Amino acid sequence: MIIVRFTSGLGNQMFQYNLYSFLRERYPRAQVRADVTWFYTDDEHHGFELRRIFENVPGSKFRLDEATTKEIYSVSGQIPTPIKGPLARGIKFLLGPVNRKLREAGKIEKSGRTFDALSEKISYEELCSLDPGKNYYIFGFFIEEDYYRDRVDKLKQELVFPPLAGENESLADKMEKENSVSIHVRRGDYLSQTYAGRFLCLERDYYEEAVRIIKEKIENPVFYIFSEDEEYVNREFAWLDNKTIVNINKGNDSFRDMQLMSKCKANIIANSTFSQLAAILNDNPGHITVYPAKYMADEETEVRRMPGWIRV
């Protein structure tokens, strides 16, 4: 059995789903399951969103088989929090010492192989050469291009957004008629104590250079800025003409911003899986994506080889 652990916000969940779907295709004889128990105690962003957004869309090929508590324990050697709700955090706290003892006893090694992409380098080739007769518990983010470059068309069939309505539908219609360009500005959680110093908040020079590139390649571009920090955008993007700040989607509707960005003729993305997925799911022929060379504050490692992706 192969179990993929799902965590974090929507963009990361979608990349984890891509890995899950890839493994199902790669190993048709293996049972591939999803561990979503992280969300029983962690409500980062808007919780586990994949089912709510993608599962019941007509024509979608989305499929997600969740692992049971017993399966997670059998494969990972750890006892997951078994329930949601107000008692979940207390149960997780009580299970902490038990799981530490299981790790010390080598239960994980006895039950199967754990791939921890957060603390060790896991190669795409390694995940392509698993033994389908063995157990694997896999967790990480898997945002590297190797995992999705050849699956983009399939991903677009699996992660189909629900139809737009109201203001969002009107905005999408307008974007379709213009040379629309999305700009994603992510600050918010990147400025929080949790992420400060790890993630880079992109500055004006990145966006100015990205806009310059777009204006060289697209005639009469119309810019749509997506950000949770409207005050910052109003102040720092005063230099940019022909722009609209999109601020109509909040809470559980925040995913609509990704959907709208994917409708634009070009994308200027942030160091964020949210806008990265918007660009990957963009169906406009020949669309351009400008992306930052730096994702983390201390690394300049982002390299994309897909057609139309330009590094700044």
C-alpha atoms as a PDB file:
ATOM      1  CA  MET A   1       0.000   0.000   0.000  1.00  0.00           C
ATOM      2  CA  ILE A   2       1.127   3.563  -0.756  1.00  0.00           C
ATOM      3  CA  ILE A   3      -0.196   6.398   1.412  1.00  0.00           C
ATOM      4  CA  VAL A   4       0.295  10.082   0.571  1.00  0.00           C
ATOM      5  CA  ARG A   5      -0.096  12.554   3.416  1.00  0.00           C
ATOM      6  CA  PHE A   6      -2.030  15.741   2.644  1.00  0.00           C
ATOM      7  CA  THR A   7      -1.296  18.989   4.529  1.00  0.00           C
ATOM      8  CA  SER A   8      -1.309  22.790   4.314  1.00  0.00           C
ATOM      9  CA  GLY A   9      -3.217  25.179   2.029  1.00  0.00           C
ATOM     10  CA  LEU A  10      -5.046  24.623  -1.245  1.00  0.00           C
ATOM     11  CA  GLY A  11      -2.046  24.942  -3.573  1.00  0.00           C
ATOM     12  CA  ASN A  12      -0.031  22.379  -1.627  1.00  0.00           C
ATOM     13  CA  GLN A  13      -3.033  20.058  -1.412  1.00  0.00           C
ATOM     14  CA  MET A  14      -3.368  20.197  -5.199  1.00  0.00           C
ATOM     15  CA  PHE A  15       0.296  19.314  -5.725  1.00  0.00           C
ATOM     16  CA  GLN A  16      -0.068  16.454  -3.237  1.00  0.00           C
ATOM     17  CA  TYR A  17      -3.132  15.310  -5.148  1.00  0.00           C
ATOM     18  CA  ASN A  18      -1.082  15.374  -8.353  1.00  0.00           C
ATOM     19  CA  LEU A  19       1.476  13.059  -6.714  1.00  0.00           C
ATOM     20  CA  TYR A  20      -1.320  10.814  -5.410  1.00  0.00           C
ATOM     21  CA  SER A  21      -2.879  10.587  -8.890  1.00  0.00           C
ATOM     22  CA  PHE A  22       0.530  10.020 -10.499  1.00  0.00           C
ATOM     23  CA  LEU A  23       1.240   7.121  -8.124  1.00  0.00           C
ATOM     24  CA  ARG A  24      -2.153   5.552  -8.870  1.00  0.00           C
ATOM     25  CA  GLU A  25      -1.281   5.588 -12.579  1.00  0.00           C
ATOM     26  CA  ARG A  26       2.285   4.442 -12.051  1.00  0.00           C
ATOM     27  CA  TYR A  27       1.372   1.529  -9.763  1.00  0.00           C
ATOM     28  CA  PRO A  28      -2.072   0.227 -10.836  1.00  0.00           C
ATOM     29  CA  ARG A  29      -1.611  -2.979  -8.794  1.00  0.00           C
ATOM     30  CA  ALA A  30      -0.930  -1.088  -5.571  1.00  0.00           C
ATOM     31  CA  GLN A  31      -3.520   0.369  -3.231  1.00  0.00           C
ATOM     32  CA  VAL A  32      -2.887   4.127  -3.149  1.00  0.00           C
ATOM     33  CA  ARG A  33      -4.561   6.044  -0.349  1.00  0.00           C
ATOM     34  CA  ALA A  34      -4.713   9.605   1.009  1.00  0.00           C
ATOM     35  CA  ASP A  35      -4.028  10.474   4.649  1.00  0.00           C
ATOM     36  CA  VAL A  36      -6.017  13.642   5.425  1.00  0.00           C
ATOM     37  CA  THR A  37      -5.854  13.359   9.231  1.00  0.00           C
ATOM     38  CA  TRP A  38      -3.510  16.391   9.441  1.00  0.00           C
ATOM     39  CA  PHE A  39      -6.603  18.536   8.942  1.00  0.00           C
ATOM     40  CA  TYR A  40      -8.329  17.013  11.972  1.00  0.00           C
ATOM     41  CA  THR A  41      -6.168  19.210  14.208  1.00  0.00           C
ATOM     42  CA  ASP A  42      -4.733  21.881  11.884  1.00  0.00           C
ATOM     43  CA  ASP A  43      -7.055  24.387  10.231  1.00  0.00           C
ATOM     44  CA  GLU A  44      -4.418  26.361   8.328  1.00  0.00           C
ATOM     45  CA  HIS A  45      -6.067  28.516   5.655  1.00  0.00           C
ATOM     46  CA  HIS A  46      -9.446  26.855   4.999  1.00  0.00           C
ATOM     47  CA  GLY A  47      -8.873  23.235   5.981  1.00  0.00           C
ATOM     48  CA  PHE A  48      -9.018  20.305   3.578  1.00  0.00           C
ATOM     49  CA  GLU A  49     -10.541  21.842   0.452  1.00  0.00           C
ATOM     50  CA  LEU A  50     -10.110  19.330  -2.353  1.00  0.00           C
ATOM     51  CA  ARG A  51     -13.353  17.412  -1.890  1.00  0.00           C
ATOM     52  CA  ARG A  52     -15.429  20.533  -1.296  1.00  0.00           C
ATOM     53  CA  ILE A  53     -14.161  22.230  -4.451  1.00  0.00           C
ATOM     54  CA  PHE A  54     -13.501  19.479  -6.984  1.00  0.00           C
ATOM     55  CA  GLU A  55     -15.364  16.291  -6.092  1.00  0.00           C
ATOM     56  CA  ASN A  56     -18.866  16.951  -7.430  1.00  0.00           C
ATOM     57  CA  VAL A  57     -18.089  19.018 -10.526  1.00  0.00           C
ATOM     58  CA  PRO A  58     -19.812  17.502 -13.609  1.00  0.00           C
ATOM     59  CA  GLY A  59     -17.297  15.858 -15.939  1.00  0.00           C
ATOM     60  CA  SER A  60     -14.459  15.947 -13.417  1.00  0.00           C
ATOM     61  CA  LYS A  61     -12.230  12.874 -13.068  1.00  0.00           C
ATOM     62  CA  PHE A  62     -11.307  13.773  -9.490  1.00  0.00           C
ATOM     63  CA  ARG A  63     -10.956  10.725  -7.259  1.00  0.00           C
ATOM     64  CA  LEU A  64      -9.602  10.418  -3.738  1.00  0.00           C
ATOM     65  CA  ASP A  65      -9.586   7.250  -1.634  1.00  0.00           C
ATOM     66  CA  GLU A  66      -8.853   8.043   2.007  1.00  0.00           C
ATOM     67  CA  ALA A  67      -6.818   5.720   4.208  1.00  0.00           C
ATOM     68  CA  THR A  68      -8.366   4.365   7.387  1.00  0.00           C
ATOM     69  CA  THR A  69      -6.781   4.841  10.802  1.00  0.00           C
ATOM     70  CA  LYS A  70      -5.715   1.188  10.740  1.00  0.00           C
ATOM     71  CA  GLU A  71      -4.120   1.531   7.281  1.00  0.00           C
ATOM     72  CA  ILE A  72      -2.192   4.648   8.306  1.00  0.00           C
ATOM     73  CA  TYR A  73      -0.855   2.890  11.406  1.00  0.00           C
ATOM     74  CA  SER A  74       0.037  -0.260   9.450  1.00  0.00           C
ATOM     75  CA  VAL A  75       1.975   1.676   6.807  1.00  0.00           C
ATOM     76  CA  SER A  76       3.476   4.592   8.749  1.00  0.00           C
ATOM     77  CA  GLY A  77       3.991   2.980  12.140  1.00  0.00           C
ATOM     78  CA  GLN A  78       2.315   6.006  13.740  1.00  0.00           C
ATOM     79  CA  ILE A  79      -1.151   6.307  15.288  1.00  0.00           C
ATOM     80  CA  PRO A  80      -3.000   9.207  13.617  1.00  0.00           C
ATOM     81  CA  THR A  81      -5.592  11.390  15.310  1.00  0.00           C
ATOM     82  CA  PRO A  82      -8.697   9.289  14.601  1.00  0.00           C
ATOM     83  CA  ILE A  83     -11.438  11.927  14.814  1.00  0.00           C
ATOM     84  CA  LYS A  84     -12.242  15.530  13.921  1.00  0.00           C
ATOM     85  CA  GLY A  85     -13.825  18.040  16.254  1.00  0.00           C
ATOM     86  CA  PRO A  86     -13.090  19.698  19.605  1.00  0.00           C
ATOM     87  CA  LEU A  87     -11.454  16.603  21.126  1.00  0.00           C
ATOM     88  CA  ALA A  88      -8.995  16.071  18.260  1.00  0.00           C
ATOM     89  CA  ARG A  89      -6.191  18.306  19.559  1.00  0.00           C
ATOM     90  CA  GLY A  90      -6.338  16.703  22.991  1.00  0.00           C
ATOM     91  CA  ILE A  91      -6.143  13.227  21.472  1.00  0.00           C
ATOM     92  CA  LYS A  92      -3.182  14.284  19.309  1.00  0.00           C
ATOM     93  CA  PHE A  93      -1.402  15.575  22.421  1.00  0.00           C
ATOM     94  CA  LEU A  94      -1.990  12.289  24.253  1.00  0.00           C
ATOM     95  CA  LEU A  95      -0.789  10.273  21.254  1.00  0.00           C
ATOM     96  CA  GLY A  96       2.469  12.245  21.063  1.00  0.00           C
ATOM     97  CA  PRO A  97       4.446  10.174  23.630  1.00  0.00           C
ATOM     98  CA  VAL A  98       3.032   6.924  22.220  1.00  0.00           C
ATOM     99  CA  ASN A  99       4.169   7.772  18.697  1.00  0.00           C
ATOM    100  CA  ARG A 100       7.605   8.817  19.959  1.00  0.00           C
ATOM    101  CA  LYS A 101       8.017   5.397  21.579  1.00  0.00           C
ATOM    102  CA  LEU A 102       6.906   3.723  18.337  1.00  0.00           C
ATOM    103  CA  ARG A 103       9.546   5.684  16.420  1.00  0.00           C
ATOM    104  CA  GLU A 104      12.218   4.761  18.960  1.00  0.00           C
ATOM    105  CA  ALA A 105      11.192   1.107  18.721  1.00  0.00           C
ATOM    106  CA  GLY A 106      11.709   1.177  14.969  1.00  0.00           C
ATOM    107  CA  LYS A 107       8.066   0.498  14.163  1.00  0.00           C
ATOM    108  CA  ILE A 108       8.291   2.607  10.988  1.00  0.00           C
ATOM    109  CA  GLU A 109      11.183   0.584   9.585  1.00  0.00           C
ATOM    110  CA  LYS A 110       9.344  -2.654  10.331  1.00  0.00           C
ATOM    111  CA  SER A 111       6.086  -1.558   8.688  1.00  0.00           C
ATOM    112  CA  GLY A 112       7.472  -0.028   5.501  1.00  0.00           C
ATOM    113  CA  ARG A 113       9.463   2.819   3.963  1.00  0.00           C
ATOM    114  CA  THR A 114       8.656   6.403   4.898  1.00  0.00           C
ATOM    115  CA  PHE A 115       9.571   9.100   2.385  1.00  0.00           C
ATOM    116  CA  ASP A 116       9.961  12.392   4.243  1.00  0.00           C
ATOM    117  CA  ALA A 117      10.488  14.979   1.506  1.00  0.00           C
ATOM    118  CA  LEU A 118      10.512  17.759   4.098  1.00  0.00           C
ATOM    119  CA  SER A 119      13.823  16.675   5.638  1.00  0.00           C
ATOM    120  CA  GLU A 120      15.488  14.502   3.005  1.00  0.00           C
ATOM    121  CA  LYS A 121      16.011  14.819  -0.728  1.00  0.00           C
ATOM    122  CA  ILE A 122      13.555  12.546  -2.527  1.00  0.00           C
ATOM    123  CA  SER A 123      14.116  12.194  -6.253  1.00  0.00           C
ATOM    124  CA  TYR A 124      11.437  11.800  -8.874  1.00  0.00           C
ATOM    125  CA  GLU A 125      13.311   8.745 -10.142  1.00  0.00           C
ATOM    126  CA  GLU A 126      13.136   7.147  -6.697  1.00  0.00           C
ATOM    127  CA  LEU A 127       9.353   7.509  -6.569  1.00  0.00           C
ATOM    128  CA  CYS A 128       9.178   6.038 -10.079  1.00  0.00           C
ATOM    129  CA  SER A 129      10.882   2.844  -8.932  1.00  0.00           C
ATOM    130  CA  LEU A 130       8.894   1.730  -5.888  1.00  0.00           C
ATOM    131  CA  ASP A 131       8.152  -1.929  -5.222  1.00  0.00           C
ATOM    132  CA  PRO A 132       4.326  -2.149  -5.472  1.00  0.00           C
ATOM    133  CA  GLY A 133       4.379  -5.141  -3.147  1.00  0.00           C
ATOM    134  CA  LYS A 134       5.761  -3.066  -0.252  1.00  0.00           C
ATOM    135  CA  ASN A 135       4.337  -0.331   1.986  1.00  0.00           C
ATOM    136  CA  TYR A 136       5.251   3.346   1.568  1.00  0.00           C
ATOM    137  CA  TYR A 137       4.184   6.418   3.528  1.00  0.00           C
ATOM    138  CA  ILE A 138       5.014   9.593   1.627  1.00  0.00           C
ATOM    139  CA  PHE A 139       4.814  13.192   2.766  1.00  0.00           C
ATOM    140  CA  GLY A 140       6.090  16.484   1.408  1.00  0.00           C
ATOM    141  CA  PHE A 141       4.967  19.083  -1.128  1.00  0.00           C
ATOM    142  CA  PHE A 142       6.292  17.741  -4.471  1.00  0.00           C
ATOM    143  CA  ILE A 143       6.001  21.019  -6.363  1.00  0.00           C
ATOM    144  CA  GLU A 144       8.916  20.237  -8.680  1.00  0.00           C
ATOM    145  CA  GLU A 145       8.111  20.294 -12.389  1.00  0.00           C
ATOM    146  CA  ASP A 146       9.087  16.635 -12.870  1.00  0.00           C
ATOM    147  CA  TYR A 147       5.921  15.561 -11.073  1.00  0.00           C
ATOM    148  CA  TYR A 148       3.449  17.466 -13.246  1.00  0.00           C
ATOM    149  CA  ARG A 149       5.108  18.445 -16.537  1.00  0.00           C
ATOM    150  CA  ASP A 150       3.726  15.419 -18.394  1.00  0.00           C
ATOM    151  CA  ARG A 151       0.452  15.367 -16.457  1.00  0.00           C
ATOM    152  CA  VAL A 152      -0.902  18.866 -17.041  1.00  0.00           C
ATOM    153  CA  ASP A 153      -3.707  17.731 -19.356  1.00  0.00           C
ATOM    154  CA  LYS A 154      -4.754  14.991 -16.922  1.00  0.00           C
ATOM    155  CA  LEU A 155      -4.572  17.400 -14.010  1.00  0.00           C
ATOM    156  CA  LYS A 156      -6.921  19.766 -15.839  1.00  0.00           C
ATOM    157  CA  GLN A 157      -9.422  16.903 -16.141  1.00  0.00           C
ATOM    158  CA  GLU A 158      -9.157  16.021 -12.447  1.00  0.00           C
ATOM    159  CA  LEU A 159      -9.040  19.476 -10.856  1.00  0.00           C
ATOM    160  CA  VAL A 160     -12.006  21.110 -12.579  1.00  0.00           C
ATOM    161  CA  PHE A 161     -13.366  24.220 -10.874  1.00  0.00           C
ATOM    162  CA  PRO A 162     -17.112  24.610 -10.279  1.00  0.00           C
ATOM    163  CA  PRO A 163     -18.842  27.049 -12.681  1.00  0.00           C
ATOM    164  CA  LEU A 164     -18.478  30.744 -11.906  1.00  0.00           C
ATOM    165  CA  ALA A 165     -21.448  32.943 -11.069  1.00  0.00           C
ATOM    166  CA  GLY A 166     -22.259  36.555 -10.235  1.00  0.00           C
ATOM    167  CA  GLU A 167     -19.349  39.012 -10.057  1.00  0.00           C
ATOM    168  CA  ASN A 168     -16.812  36.272 -10.716  1.00  0.00           C
ATOM    169  CA  GLU A 169     -18.544  35.231 -13.930  1.00  0.00           C
ATOM    170  CA  SER A 170     -18.730  38.849 -15.119  1.00  0.00           C
ATOM    171  CA  LEU A 171     -15.047  39.342 -14.332  1.00  0.00           C
ATOM    172  CA  ALA A 172     -14.068  36.160 -16.191  1.00  0.00           C
ATOM    173  CA  ASP A 173     -16.071  37.283 -19.246  1.00  0.00           C
ATOM    174  CA  LYS A 174     -14.221  40.604 -19.182  1.00  0.00           C
ATOM    175  CA  MET A 175     -10.857  38.851 -18.870  1.00  0.00           C
ATOM    176  CA  GLU A 176     -11.665  36.703 -21.891  1.00  0.00           C
ATOM    177  CA  LYS A 177     -12.268  39.774 -24.079  1.00  0.00           C
ATOM    178  CA  GLU A 178      -9.086  41.579 -23.006  1.00  0.00           C
ATOM    179  CA  ASN A 179      -5.378  40.860 -22.970  1.00  0.00           C
ATOM    180  CA  SER A 180      -5.770  40.096 -19.293  1.00  0.00           C
ATOM    181  CA  VAL A 181      -2.761  39.552 -17.034  1.00  0.00           C
ATOM    182  CA  SER A 182      -3.039  38.341 -13.446  1.00  0.00           C
ATOM    183  CA  ILE A 183      -0.608  39.558 -10.785  1.00  0.00           C
ATOM    184  CA  HIS A 184      -0.448  37.634  -7.510  1.00  0.00           C
ATOM    185  CA  VAL A 185       0.931  39.437  -4.467  1.00  0.00           C
ATOM    186  CA  ARG A 186       1.274  37.189  -1.429  1.00  0.00           C
ATOM    187  CA  ARG A 187       2.122  38.721   1.911  1.00  0.00           C
ATOM    188  CA  GLY A 188      -0.173  37.897   4.860  1.00  0.00           C
ATOM    189  CA  ASP A 189       1.089  34.603   6.273  1.00  0.00           C
ATOM    190  CA  TYR A 190       4.583  35.180   4.819  1.00  0.00           C
ATOM    191  CA  LEU A 191       4.928  38.078   7.279  1.00  0.00           C
ATOM    192  CA  SER A 192       3.711  36.011  10.232  1.00  0.00           C
ATOM    193  CA  GLN A 193       6.002  34.698  12.947  1.00  0.00           C
ATOM    194  CA  THR A 194       5.554  31.177  11.572  1.00  0.00           C
ATOM    195  CA  TYR A 195       6.965  31.962   8.123  1.00  0.00           C
ATOM    196  CA  ALA A 196       9.036  35.127   8.631  1.00  0.00           C
ATOM    197  CA  GLY A 197      12.585  34.626   7.395  1.00  0.00           C
ATOM    198  CA  ARG A 198      11.712  31.442   5.481  1.00  0.00           C
ATOM    199  CA  PHE A 199       9.554  32.718   2.640  1.00  0.00           C
ATOM    200  CA  LEU A 200      10.446  35.719   0.537  1.00  0.00           C
ATOM    201  CA  CYS A 201       7.987  38.607   0.202  1.00  0.00           C
ATOM    202  CA  LEU A 202       8.538  39.715  -3.379  1.00  0.00           C
ATOM    203  CA  GLU A 203       9.366  43.392  -3.752  1.00  0.00           C
ATOM    204  CA  ARG A 204       8.489  46.036  -6.318  1.00  0.00           C
ATOM    205  CA  ASP A 205      11.543  45.343  -8.501  1.00  0.00           C
ATOM    206  CA  TYR A 206      10.268  41.830  -9.313  1.00  0.00           C
ATOM    207  CA  TYR A 207       6.841  43.064 -10.334  1.00  0.00           C
ATOM    208  CA  GLU A 208       8.226  45.997 -12.349  1.00  0.00           C
ATOM    209  CA  GLU A 209      10.477  43.665 -14.333  1.00  0.00           C
ATOM    210  CA  ALA A 210       7.644  41.162 -14.821  1.00  0.00           C
ATOM    211  CA  VAL A 211       5.327  43.907 -16.113  1.00  0.00           C
ATOM    212  CA  ARG A 212       8.076  45.159 -18.447  1.00  0.00           C
ATOM    213  CA  ILE A 213       8.404  41.657 -19.945  1.00  0.00           C
ATOM    214  CA  ILE A 214       4.639  41.334 -20.357  1.00  0.00           C
ATOM    215  CA  LYS A 215       4.383  44.715 -22.107  1.00  0.00           C
ATOM    216  CA  GLU A 216       7.082  43.623 -24.558  1.00  0.00           C
ATOM    217  CA  LYS A 217       5.124  40.510 -25.473  1.00  0.00           C
ATOM    218  CA  ILE A 218       1.457  41.503 -25.153  1.00  0.00           C
ATOM    219  CA  GLU A 219      -0.304  44.465 -26.732  1.00  0.00           C
ATOM    220  CA  ASN A 220      -2.508  46.593 -24.465  1.00  0.00           C
ATOM    221  CA  PRO A 221      -2.338  44.363 -21.379  1.00  0.00           C
ATOM    222  CA  VAL A 222      -4.956  44.799 -18.665  1.00  0.00           C
ATOM    223  CA  PHE A 223      -3.733  43.866 -15.186  1.00  0.00           C
ATOM    224  CA  TYR A 224      -5.729  42.152 -12.442  1.00  0.00           C
ATOM    225  CA  ILE A 225      -4.047  42.157  -9.034  1.00  0.00           C
ATOM    226  CA  PHE A 226      -4.930  39.440  -6.527  1.00  0.00           C
ATOM    227  CA  SER A 227      -3.822  39.940  -2.929  1.00  0.00           C
ATOM    228  CA  GLU A 228      -5.135  39.657   0.613  1.00  0.00           C
ATOM    229  CA  ASP A 229      -3.324  42.939   1.424  1.00  0.00           C
ATOM    230  CA  GLU A 230      -5.336  45.543  -0.487  1.00  0.00           C
ATOM    231  CA  GLU A 231      -3.824  48.482   1.393  1.00  0.00           C
ATOM    232  CA  TYR A 232      -0.312  47.398   0.418  1.00  0.00           C
ATOM    233  CA  VAL A 233      -1.284  46.899  -3.229  1.00  0.00           C
ATOM    234  CA  ASN A 234      -2.944  50.325  -3.444  1.00  0.00           C
ATOM    235  CA  ARG A 235       0.215  51.925  -2.100  1.00  0.00           C
ATOM    236  CA  GLU A 236       2.936  49.896  -3.818  1.00  0.00           C
ATOM    237  CA  PHE A 237       1.303  49.494  -7.240  1.00  0.00           C
ATOM    238  CA  ALA A 238       0.385  53.147  -7.763  1.00  0.00           C
ATOM    239  CA  TRP A 239       2.906  53.145 -10.627  1.00  0.00           C
ATOM    240  CA  LEU A 240       0.912  50.577 -12.622  1.00  0.00           C
ATOM    241  CA  ASP A 241      -1.780  51.820 -14.994  1.00  0.00           C
ATOM    242  CA  ASN A 242      -4.732  49.909 -16.405  1.00  0.00           C
ATOM    243  CA  LYS A 243      -5.203  47.724 -13.348  1.00  0.00           C
ATOM    244  CA  THR A 244      -8.035  46.266 -11.276  1.00  0.00           C
ATOM    245  CA  ILE A 245      -7.632  44.990  -7.728  1.00  0.00           C
ATOM    246  CA  VAL A 246      -9.715  41.836  -7.261  1.00  0.00           C
ATOM    247  CA  ASN A 247     -11.029  41.528  -3.704  1.00  0.00           C
ATOM    248  CA  ILE A 248     -14.430  39.835  -3.993  1.00  0.00           C
ATOM    249  CA  ASN A 249     -13.520  36.324  -2.804  1.00  0.00           C
ATOM    250  CA  LYS A 250     -13.072  35.625   0.898  1.00  0.00           C
ATOM    251  CA  GLY A 251     -13.051  32.600   3.205  1.00  0.00           C
ATOM    252  CA  ASN A 252     -14.253  29.392   1.564  1.00  0.00           C
ATOM    253  CA  ASP A 253     -14.616  31.247  -1.744  1.00  0.00           C
ATOM    254  CA  SER A 254     -10.918  32.203  -1.860  1.00  0.00           C
ATOM    255  CA  PHE A 255     -10.248  29.417  -4.377  1.00  0.00           C
ATOM    256  CA  ARG A 256     -12.148  31.514  -6.931  1.00  0.00           C
ATOM    257  CA  ASP A 257      -9.099  33.795  -7.134  1.00  0.00           C
ATOM    258  CA  MET A 258      -7.056  30.863  -8.429  1.00  0.00           C
ATOM    259  CA  GLN A 259      -9.823  30.084 -10.903  1.00  0.00           C
ATOM    260  CA  LEU A 260      -9.929  33.695 -12.143  1.00  0.00           C
ATOM    261  CA  MET A 261      -6.136  33.870 -12.467  1.00  0.00           C
ATOM    262  CA  SER A 262      -6.260  30.734 -14.614  1.00  0.00           C
ATOM    263  CA  LYS A 263      -8.622  32.569 -16.992  1.00  0.00           C
ATOM    264  CA  CYS A 264      -6.124  35.355 -17.748  1.00  0.00           C
ATOM    265  CA  LYS A 265      -4.082  35.437 -20.968  1.00  0.00           C
ATOM    266  CA  ALA A 266      -0.865  35.730 -18.934  1.00  0.00           C
ATOM    267  CA  ASN A 267       0.158  35.254 -15.313  1.00  0.00           C
ATOM    268  CA  ILE A 268       2.674  37.043 -13.121  1.00  0.00           C
ATOM    269  CA  ILE A 269       2.889  34.648 -10.206  1.00  0.00           C
ATOM    270  CA  ALA A 270       4.285  34.910  -6.700  1.00  0.00           C
ATOM    271  CA  ASN A 271       6.475  32.412  -4.855  1.00  0.00           C
ATOM    272  CA  SER A 272       3.269  30.613  -3.979  1.00  0.00           C
ATOM    273  CA  THR A 273       1.762  27.295  -5.002  1.00  0.00           C
ATOM    274  CA  PHE A 274      -1.605  29.080  -5.216  1.00  0.00           C
ATOM    275  CA  SER A 275      -0.719  31.227  -8.239  1.00  0.00           C
ATOM    276  CA  GLN A 276       1.638  28.564  -9.595  1.00  0.00           C
ATOM    277  CA  LEU A 277      -1.336  26.190  -9.907  1.00  0.00           C
ATOM    278  CA  ALA A 278      -3.388  28.949 -11.535  1.00  0.00           C
ATOM    279  CA  ALA A 279      -0.729  29.205 -14.247  1.00  0.00           C
ATOM    280  CA  ILE A 280      -0.425  25.430 -14.650  1.00  0.00           C
ATOM    281  CA  LEU A 281      -4.205  25.082 -15.075  1.00  0.00           C
ATOM    282  CA  ASN A 282      -4.391  28.006 -17.522  1.00  0.00           C
ATOM    283  CA  ASP A 283      -6.084  26.856 -20.741  1.00  0.00           C
ATOM    284  CA  ASN A 284      -5.327  29.909 -22.883  1.00  0.00           C
ATOM    285  CA  PRO A 285      -3.224  28.839 -25.888  1.00  0.00           C
ATOM    286  CA  GLY A 286       0.311  30.222 -25.808  1.00  0.00           C
ATOM    287  CA  HIS A 287      -0.165  31.897 -22.434  1.00  0.00           C
ATOM    288  CA  ILE A 288       2.871  33.430 -20.727  1.00  0.00           C
ATOM    289  CA  THR A 289       3.862  32.927 -17.096  1.00  0.00           C
ATOM    290  CA  VAL A 290       6.442  35.102 -15.365  1.00  0.00           C
ATOM    291  CA  TYR A 291       7.785  33.522 -12.171  1.00  0.00           C
ATOM    292  CA  PRO A 292      10.377  34.481  -9.517  1.00  0.00           C
ATOM    293  CA  ALA A 293      13.801  32.853  -9.392  1.00  0.00           C
ATOM    294  CA  LYS A 294      13.621  32.764  -5.590  1.00  0.00           C
ATOM    295  CA  TYR A 295      10.928  30.818  -3.737  1.00  0.00           C
ATOM    296  CA  MET A 296      12.441  30.655  -0.265  1.00  0.00           C
ATOM    297  CA  ALA A 297      14.198  33.626   1.315  1.00  0.00           C
ATOM    298  CA  ASP A 298      17.661  32.032   1.121  1.00  0.00           C
ATOM    299  CA  GLU A 299      17.453  30.067  -2.132  1.00  0.00           C
ATOM    300  CA  GLU A 300      17.463  30.997  -5.817  1.00  0.00           C
ATOM    301  CA  THR A 301      16.554  27.581  -7.160  1.00  0.00           C
ATOM    302  CA  GLU A 302      13.357  27.946  -9.162  1.00  0.00           C
ATOM    303  CA  VAL A 303      13.759  26.665 -12.727  1.00  0.00           C
ATOM    304  CA  ARG A 304      10.759  25.902 -14.937  1.00  0.00           C
ATOM    305  CA  ARG A 305      11.178  24.383 -18.383  1.00  0.00           C
ATOM    306  CA  MET A 306       7.592  24.438 -19.621  1.00  0.00           C
ATOM    307  CA  PRO A 307       6.905  26.534 -22.749  1.00  0.00           C
ATOM    308  CA  GLY A 308       5.995  30.145 -22.010  1.00  0.00           C
ATOM    309  CA  TRP A 309       7.467  30.255 -18.488  1.00  0.00           C
ATOM    310  CA  ILE A 310       9.889  33.162 -17.989  1.00  0.00           C
ATOM    311  CA  ARG A 311      12.199  33.426 -14.960  1.00  0.00           C
ATOM    312  CA  VAL A 312      12.894  36.757 -13.239  1.00  0.00           C
END
